[in-house]
PDB file of N, CA and C in Angstrom:
ATOM      1  N   UNK A   1     144.354 139.218  64.419  1.00  0.00           N
ATOM      2  CA  UNK A   1     143.298 138.158  64.689  1.00  0.00           C
ATOM      3  C   UNK A   1     142.392 139.100  65.625  1.00  0.00           C
ATOM      4  N   UNK A   2     143.065 139.153  66.559  1.00  0.00           N
ATOM      5  CA  UNK A   2     142.623 140.026  67.548  1.00  0.00           C
ATOM      6  C   UNK A   2     141.979 141.201  67.609  1.00  0.00           C
ATOM      7  N   UNK A   3     142.301 141.970  66.652  1.00  0.00           N
ATOM      8  CA  UNK A   3     142.064 143.463  66.085  1.00  0.00           C
ATOM      9  C   UNK A   3     140.927 143.371  65.766  1.00  0.00           C
ATOM     10  N   UNK A   4     140.353 141.993  64.340  1.00  0.00           N
ATOM     11  CA  UNK A   4     139.422 141.878  64.027  1.00  0.00           C
ATOM     12  C   UNK A   4     138.366 141.600  65.101  1.00  0.00           C
ATOM     13  N   UNK A   5     138.308 140.867  65.993  1.00  0.00           N
ATOM     14  CA  UNK A   5     137.535 140.017  67.257  1.00  0.00           C
ATOM     15  C   UNK A   5     137.268 141.208  68.155  1.00  0.00           C
ATOM     16  N   UNK A   6     138.102 142.345  68.175  1.00  0.00           N
ATOM     17  CA  UNK A   6     137.784 143.711  68.491  1.00  0.00           C
ATOM     18  C   UNK A   6     136.985 144.262  68.298  1.00  0.00           C
ATOM     19  N   UNK A   7     137.184 144.620  66.725  1.00  0.00           N
ATOM     20  CA  UNK A   7     136.199 145.525  65.720  1.00  0.00           C
ATOM     21  C   UNK A   7     135.027 145.165  65.987  1.00  0.00           C
ATOM     22  N   UNK A   8     134.503 143.707  66.043  1.00  0.00           N
ATOM     23  CA  UNK A   8     133.496 143.213  65.279  1.00  0.00           C
ATOM     24  C   UNK A   8     132.567 143.010  66.720  1.00  0.00           C
ATOM     25  N   UNK A   9     133.313 142.920  68.008  1.00  0.00           N
ATOM     26  CA  UNK A   9     132.952 143.323  69.130  1.00  0.00           C
ATOM     27  C   UNK A   9     132.363 144.305  69.317  1.00  0.00           C
ATOM     28  N   UNK A  10     133.572 145.615  69.103  1.00  0.00           N
ATOM     29  CA  UNK A  10     132.847 146.756  69.192  1.00  0.00           C
ATOM     30  C   UNK A  10     131.684 146.784  68.509  1.00  0.00           C
ATOM     31  N   UNK A  11     131.778 146.553  67.202  1.00  0.00           N
ATOM     32  CA  UNK A  11     130.308 147.050  66.466  1.00  0.00           C
ATOM     33  C   UNK A  11     129.501 146.397  66.542  1.00  0.00           C
ATOM     34  N   UNK A  12     129.402 145.124  67.313  1.00  0.00           N
ATOM     35  CA  UNK A  12     128.174 144.524  67.872  1.00  0.00           C
ATOM     36  C   UNK A  12     127.712 145.470  69.293  1.00  0.00           C
ATOM     37  N   UNK A  13     128.223 145.767  70.256  1.00  0.00           N
ATOM     38  CA  UNK A  13     128.432 146.272  71.378  1.00  0.00           C
ATOM     39  C   UNK A  13     127.285 148.016  70.781  1.00  0.00           C
ATOM     40  N   UNK A  14     128.090 148.542  69.923  1.00  0.00           N
ATOM     41  CA  UNK A  14     127.016 149.750  69.498  1.00  0.00           C
ATOM     42  C   UNK A  14     126.169 149.484  68.842  1.00  0.00           C
ATOM     43  N   UNK A  15     125.678 148.414  67.778  1.00  0.00           N
ATOM     44  CA  UNK A  15     124.947 148.278  66.760  1.00  0.00           C
ATOM     45  C   UNK A  15     123.748 148.027  68.156  1.00  0.00           C
ATOM     46  N   UNK A  16     124.002 146.864  68.851  1.00  0.00           N
ATOM     47  CA  UNK A  16     123.126 146.699  70.014  1.00  0.00           C
ATOM     48  C   UNK A  16     122.473 148.066  70.588  1.00  0.00           C
ATOM     49  N   UNK A  17     122.958 148.565  71.095  1.00  0.00           N
ATOM     50  CA  UNK A  17     122.802 149.663  72.316  1.00  0.00           C
ATOM     51  C   UNK A  17     122.252 150.869  71.051  1.00  0.00           C
ATOM     52  N   UNK A  18     122.262 150.960  70.033  1.00  0.00           N
ATOM     53  CA  UNK A  18     121.249 151.940  69.099  1.00  0.00           C
ATOM     54  C   UNK A  18     120.218 151.624  68.790  1.00  0.00           C
ATOM     55  N   UNK A  19     120.196 150.377  68.407  1.00  0.00           N
ATOM     56  CA  UNK A  19     118.522 149.272  68.224  1.00  0.00           C
ATOM     57  C   UNK A  19     117.991 149.700  69.408  1.00  0.00           C
ATOM     58  N   UNK A  20     118.429 149.383  70.458  1.00  0.00           N
ATOM     59  CA  UNK A  20     117.412 149.642  71.747  1.00  0.00           C
ATOM     60  C   UNK A  20     117.848 150.898  72.137  1.00  0.00           C
ATOM     61  N   UNK A  21     117.109 151.782  72.074  1.00  0.00           N
ATOM     62  CA  UNK A  21     117.528 153.129  72.447  1.00  0.00           C
ATOM     63  C   UNK A  21     116.837 153.118  73.495  1.00  0.00           C
ATOM     64  N   UNK A  22     115.803 152.866  74.374  1.00  0.00           N
ATOM     65  CA  UNK A  22     115.273 153.161  75.794  1.00  0.00           C
ATOM     66  C   UNK A  22     116.375 152.524  76.929  1.00  0.00           C
ATOM     67  N   UNK A  23     117.028 151.415  76.433  1.00  0.00           N
ATOM     68  CA  UNK A  23     117.731 150.856  77.490  1.00  0.00           C
ATOM     69  C   UNK A  23     118.987 150.172  77.185  1.00  0.00           C
ATOM     70  N   UNK A  24     120.059 150.093  78.097  1.00  0.00           N
ATOM     71  CA  UNK A  24     121.207 149.624  77.204  1.00  0.00           C
ATOM     72  C   UNK A  24     121.395 148.073  77.582  1.00  0.00           C
ATOM     73  N   UNK A  25     121.522 147.407  76.325  1.00  0.00           N
ATOM     74  CA  UNK A  25     121.512 145.704  76.584  1.00  0.00           C
ATOM     75  C   UNK A  25     122.778 145.274  76.182  1.00  0.00           C
ATOM     76  N   UNK A  26     123.922 145.912  75.790  1.00  0.00           N
ATOM     77  CA  UNK A  26     125.253 145.381  76.159  1.00  0.00           C
ATOM     78  C   UNK A  26     126.050 146.266  76.499  1.00  0.00           C
ATOM     79  N   UNK A  27     127.018 145.085  77.276  1.00  0.00           N
ATOM     80  CA  UNK A  27     128.477 145.878  77.947  1.00  0.00           C
ATOM     81  C   UNK A  27     129.217 144.861  77.556  1.00  0.00           C
ATOM     82  N   UNK A  28     130.332 145.818  77.945  1.00  0.00           N
ATOM     83  CA  UNK A  28     131.774 144.934  78.144  1.00  0.00           C
ATOM     84  C   UNK A  28     131.813 144.940  79.616  1.00  0.00           C
ATOM     85  N   UNK A  29     132.154 143.665  80.187  1.00  0.00           N
ATOM     86  CA  UNK A  29     131.923 143.451  81.705  1.00  0.00           C
ATOM     87  C   UNK A  29     133.385 143.792  82.405  1.00  0.00           C
ATOM     88  N   UNK A  30     134.333 143.790  81.615  1.00  0.00           N
ATOM     89  CA  UNK A  30     135.745 144.382  82.180  1.00  0.00           C
ATOM     90  C   UNK A  30     136.157 146.178  82.147  1.00  0.00           C
ATOM     91  N   UNK A  31     135.378 146.487  81.092  1.00  0.00           N
ATOM     92  CA  UNK A  31     135.521 147.993  80.925  1.00  0.00           C
ATOM     93  C   UNK A  31     134.591 149.064  81.567  1.00  0.00           C
ATOM     94  N   UNK A  32     133.450 148.748  81.853  1.00  0.00           N
ATOM     95  CA  UNK A  32     132.275 149.379  82.138  1.00  0.00           C
ATOM     96  C   UNK A  32     132.358 149.375  83.826  1.00  0.00           C
ATOM     97  N   UNK A  33     131.965 150.738  84.273  1.00  0.00           N
ATOM     98  CA  UNK A  33     131.698 150.642  85.419  1.00  0.00           C
ATOM     99  C   UNK A  33     130.766 149.851  86.226  1.00  0.00           C
ATOM    100  N   UNK A  34     129.292 150.304  85.223  1.00  0.00           N
ATOM    101  CA  UNK A  34     128.250 149.255  86.161  1.00  0.00           C
ATOM    102  C   UNK A  34     127.733 148.427  84.780  1.00  0.00           C
ATOM    103  N   UNK A  35     127.775 147.440  85.627  1.00  0.00           N
ATOM    104  CA  UNK A  35     127.486 145.967  84.977  1.00  0.00           C
ATOM    105  C   UNK A  35     126.225 145.420  85.450  1.00  0.00           C
ATOM    106  N   UNK A  36     125.395 144.822  84.708  1.00  0.00           N
ATOM    107  CA  UNK A  36     124.106 144.657  85.511  1.00  0.00           C
ATOM    108  C   UNK A  36     124.090 142.841  86.630  1.00  0.00           C
ATOM    109  N   UNK A  37     125.754 142.251  86.185  1.00  0.00           N
ATOM    110  CA  UNK A  37     125.940 141.226  86.561  1.00  0.00           C
ATOM    111  C   UNK A  37     126.794 141.650  88.240  1.00  0.00           C
ATOM    112  N   UNK A  38     127.006 142.777  88.282  1.00  0.00           N
ATOM    113  CA  UNK A  38     127.662 143.374  89.939  1.00  0.00           C
ATOM    114  C   UNK A  38     126.805 143.243  90.878  1.00  0.00           C
ATOM    115  N   UNK A  39     127.022 142.517  91.860  1.00  0.00           N
ATOM    116  CA  UNK A  39     126.292 142.246  93.311  1.00  0.00           C
ATOM    117  C   UNK A  39     126.442 143.555  94.130  1.00  0.00           C
ATOM    118  N   UNK A  40     125.435 144.395  94.531  1.00  0.00           N
ATOM    119  CA  UNK A  40     125.459 145.288  95.428  1.00  0.00           C
ATOM    120  C   UNK A  40     124.929 145.259  96.765  1.00  0.00           C
ATOM    121  N   UNK A  41     123.752 144.260  96.677  1.00  0.00           N
ATOM    122  CA  UNK A  41     123.370 144.150  98.178  1.00  0.00           C
ATOM    123  C   UNK A  41     123.664 142.453  98.359  1.00  0.00           C
ATOM    124  N   UNK A  42     123.574 142.498  99.851  1.00  0.00           N
ATOM    125  CA  UNK A  42     123.679 141.062 100.446  1.00  0.00           C
ATOM    126  C   UNK A  42     122.947 140.749 101.577  1.00  0.00           C
ATOM    127  N   UNK A  43     122.214 139.551 101.340  1.00  0.00           N
ATOM    128  CA  UNK A  43     120.987 139.564 102.679  1.00  0.00           C
ATOM    129  C   UNK A  43     121.608 138.446 103.724  1.00  0.00           C
ATOM    130  N   UNK A  44     122.153 139.263 104.701  1.00  0.00           N
ATOM    131  CA  UNK A  44     122.651 138.287 105.545  1.00  0.00           C
ATOM    132  C   UNK A  44     121.936 136.698 106.027  1.00  0.00           C
ATOM    133  N   UNK A  45     122.329 135.920 106.522  1.00  0.00           N
ATOM    134  CA  UNK A  45     121.794 134.421 106.836  1.00  0.00           C
ATOM    135  C   UNK A  45     121.306 134.501 108.303  1.00  0.00           C
ATOM    136  N   UNK A  46     122.079 135.503 108.715  1.00  0.00           N
ATOM    137  CA  UNK A  46     122.333 135.325 110.504  1.00  0.00           C
ATOM    138  C   UNK A  46     123.295 134.647 110.985  1.00  0.00           C
ATOM    139  N   UNK A  47     124.267 134.216 109.893  1.00  0.00           N
ATOM    140  CA  UNK A  47     125.594 133.346 110.831  1.00  0.00           C
ATOM    141  C   UNK A  47     126.630 134.123 109.843  1.00  0.00           C
ATOM    142  N   UNK A  48     127.727 134.599 110.608  1.00  0.00           N
ATOM    143  CA  UNK A  48     128.809 135.559 110.191  1.00  0.00           C
ATOM    144  C   UNK A  48     129.769 134.234 109.385  1.00  0.00           C
ATOM    145  N   UNK A  49     129.708 133.193 109.993  1.00  0.00           N
ATOM    146  CA  UNK A  49     130.623 131.808 109.290  1.00  0.00           C
ATOM    147  C   UNK A  49     130.106 131.749 107.978  1.00  0.00           C
ATOM    148  N   UNK A  50     128.626 131.570 107.903  1.00  0.00           N
ATOM    149  CA  UNK A  50     127.994 131.106 106.779  1.00  0.00           C
ATOM    150  C   UNK A  50     127.932 132.074 105.850  1.00  0.00           C
ATOM    151  N   UNK A  51     127.581 133.644 105.970  1.00  0.00           N
ATOM    152  CA  UNK A  51     128.056 134.426 105.330  1.00  0.00           C
ATOM    153  C   UNK A  51     129.622 134.531 104.472  1.00  0.00           C
ATOM    154  N   UNK A  52     130.395 134.699 105.174  1.00  0.00           N
ATOM    155  CA  UNK A  52     131.682 134.550 104.672  1.00  0.00           C
ATOM    156  C   UNK A  52     131.634 133.451 103.617  1.00  0.00           C
ATOM    157  N   UNK A  53     130.972 132.355 104.001  1.00  0.00           N
ATOM    158  CA  UNK A  53     131.394 130.736 103.211  1.00  0.00           C
ATOM    159  C   UNK A  53     130.517 131.083 102.009  1.00  0.00           C
ATOM    160  N   UNK A  54     129.621 131.946 101.819  1.00  0.00           N
ATOM    161  CA  UNK A  54     128.685 132.228 100.871  1.00  0.00           C
ATOM    162  C   UNK A  54     129.130 132.791  99.886  1.00  0.00           C
ATOM    163  N   UNK A  55     129.525 134.021 100.560  1.00  0.00           N
ATOM    164  CA  UNK A  55     130.242 135.475  99.113  1.00  0.00           C
ATOM    165  C   UNK A  55     131.875 135.634  99.221  1.00  0.00           C
ATOM    166  N   UNK A  56     132.236 134.989 100.405  1.00  0.00           N
ATOM    167  CA  UNK A  56     133.869 135.355 100.792  1.00  0.00           C
ATOM    168  C   UNK A  56     133.986 136.551 101.041  1.00  0.00           C
ATOM    169  N   UNK A  57     132.922 137.046 101.484  1.00  0.00           N
ATOM    170  CA  UNK A  57     133.141 138.236 101.839  1.00  0.00           C
ATOM    171  C   UNK A  57     133.111 138.607 103.609  1.00  0.00           C
ATOM    172  N   UNK A  58     133.830 139.594 104.435  1.00  0.00           N
ATOM    173  CA  UNK A  58     133.149 139.377 105.821  1.00  0.00           C
ATOM    174  C   UNK A  58     131.840 139.830 105.868  1.00  0.00           C
ATOM    175  N   UNK A  59     131.299 140.623 105.423  1.00  0.00           N
ATOM    176  CA  UNK A  59     129.691 141.260 105.419  1.00  0.00           C
ATOM    177  C   UNK A  59     128.729 140.731 104.248  1.00  0.00           C
ATOM    178  N   UNK A  60     129.324 139.650 103.975  1.00  0.00           N
ATOM    179  CA  UNK A  60     128.435 138.862 102.785  1.00  0.00           C
ATOM    180  C   UNK A  60     127.161 138.231 102.943  1.00  0.00           C
ATOM    181  N   UNK A  61     126.731 136.998 102.528  1.00  0.00           N
ATOM    182  CA  UNK A  61     125.740 136.575 102.461  1.00  0.00           C
ATOM    183  C   UNK A  61     124.700 136.115 100.969  1.00  0.00           C
ATOM    184  N   UNK A  62     123.828 135.909 100.718  1.00  0.00           N
ATOM    185  CA  UNK A  62     123.189 135.655  99.913  1.00  0.00           C
ATOM    186  C   UNK A  62     122.872 136.652  98.904  1.00  0.00           C
ATOM    187  N   UNK A  63     123.211 136.881  97.551  1.00  0.00           N
ATOM    188  CA  UNK A  63     123.075 138.243  96.392  1.00  0.00           C
ATOM    189  C   UNK A  63     121.839 138.370  96.418  1.00  0.00           C
ATOM    190  N   UNK A  64     121.424 139.817  96.783  1.00  0.00           N
ATOM    191  CA  UNK A  64     120.066 140.218  96.622  1.00  0.00           C
ATOM    192  C   UNK A  64     119.969 140.426  95.104  1.00  0.00           C
ATOM    193  N   UNK A  65     118.589 139.776  95.046  1.00  0.00           N
ATOM    194  CA  UNK A  65     118.086 140.191  93.748  1.00  0.00           C
ATOM    195  C   UNK A  65     118.810 138.769  92.696  1.00  0.00           C
ATOM    196  N   UNK A  66     119.280 137.730  93.308  1.00  0.00           N
ATOM    197  CA  UNK A  66     119.333 136.697  92.531  1.00  0.00           C
ATOM    198  C   UNK A  66     118.774 135.237  92.736  1.00  0.00           C
ATOM    199  N   UNK A  67     118.346 134.494  91.923  1.00  0.00           N
ATOM    200  CA  UNK A  67     118.057 133.226  92.570  1.00  0.00           C
ATOM    201  C   UNK A  67     119.124 132.193  93.003  1.00  0.00           C
ATOM    202  N   UNK A  68     118.739 131.879  93.938  1.00  0.00           N
ATOM    203  CA  UNK A  68     119.691 131.125  95.148  1.00  0.00           C
ATOM    204  C   UNK A  68     118.902 130.153  95.455  1.00  0.00           C
ATOM    205  N   UNK A  69     119.665 128.423  95.551  1.00  0.00           N
ATOM    206  CA  UNK A  69     119.217 127.720  95.856  1.00  0.00           C
ATOM    207  C   UNK A  69     120.231 127.055  97.191  1.00  0.00           C
ATOM    208  N   UNK A  70     119.395 126.812  98.688  1.00  0.00           N
ATOM    209  CA  UNK A  70     119.789 125.919  99.757  1.00  0.00           C
ATOM    210  C   UNK A  70     119.749 124.763  99.591  1.00  0.00           C
ATOM    211  N   UNK A  71     120.595 124.015 100.135  1.00  0.00           N
ATOM    212  CA  UNK A  71     120.273 122.620 100.222  1.00  0.00           C
ATOM    213  C   UNK A  71     121.047 122.017 101.618  1.00  0.00           C
ATOM    214  N   UNK A  72     120.605 121.564 102.365  1.00  0.00           N
ATOM    215  CA  UNK A  72     121.470 120.835 103.612  1.00  0.00           C
ATOM    216  C   UNK A  72     120.492 120.611 104.613  1.00  0.00           C
TER     217      UNK A  72
END
């Protein structure tokens, strides 16, 4: 069953990327080196404790290029 699902996923991946020749639209998130969901830059809030709490990274903060809502 898993091989049928893998074959279908690979066929869909290849078909979508062939249809849209000018850009890549289908990704395997666990196998591709670059995916559009990867966060590359972080915007500091000015507070190192808050940056760590938001991103769980020492030099984190708010992800650049993402829609973010702050409350409080």
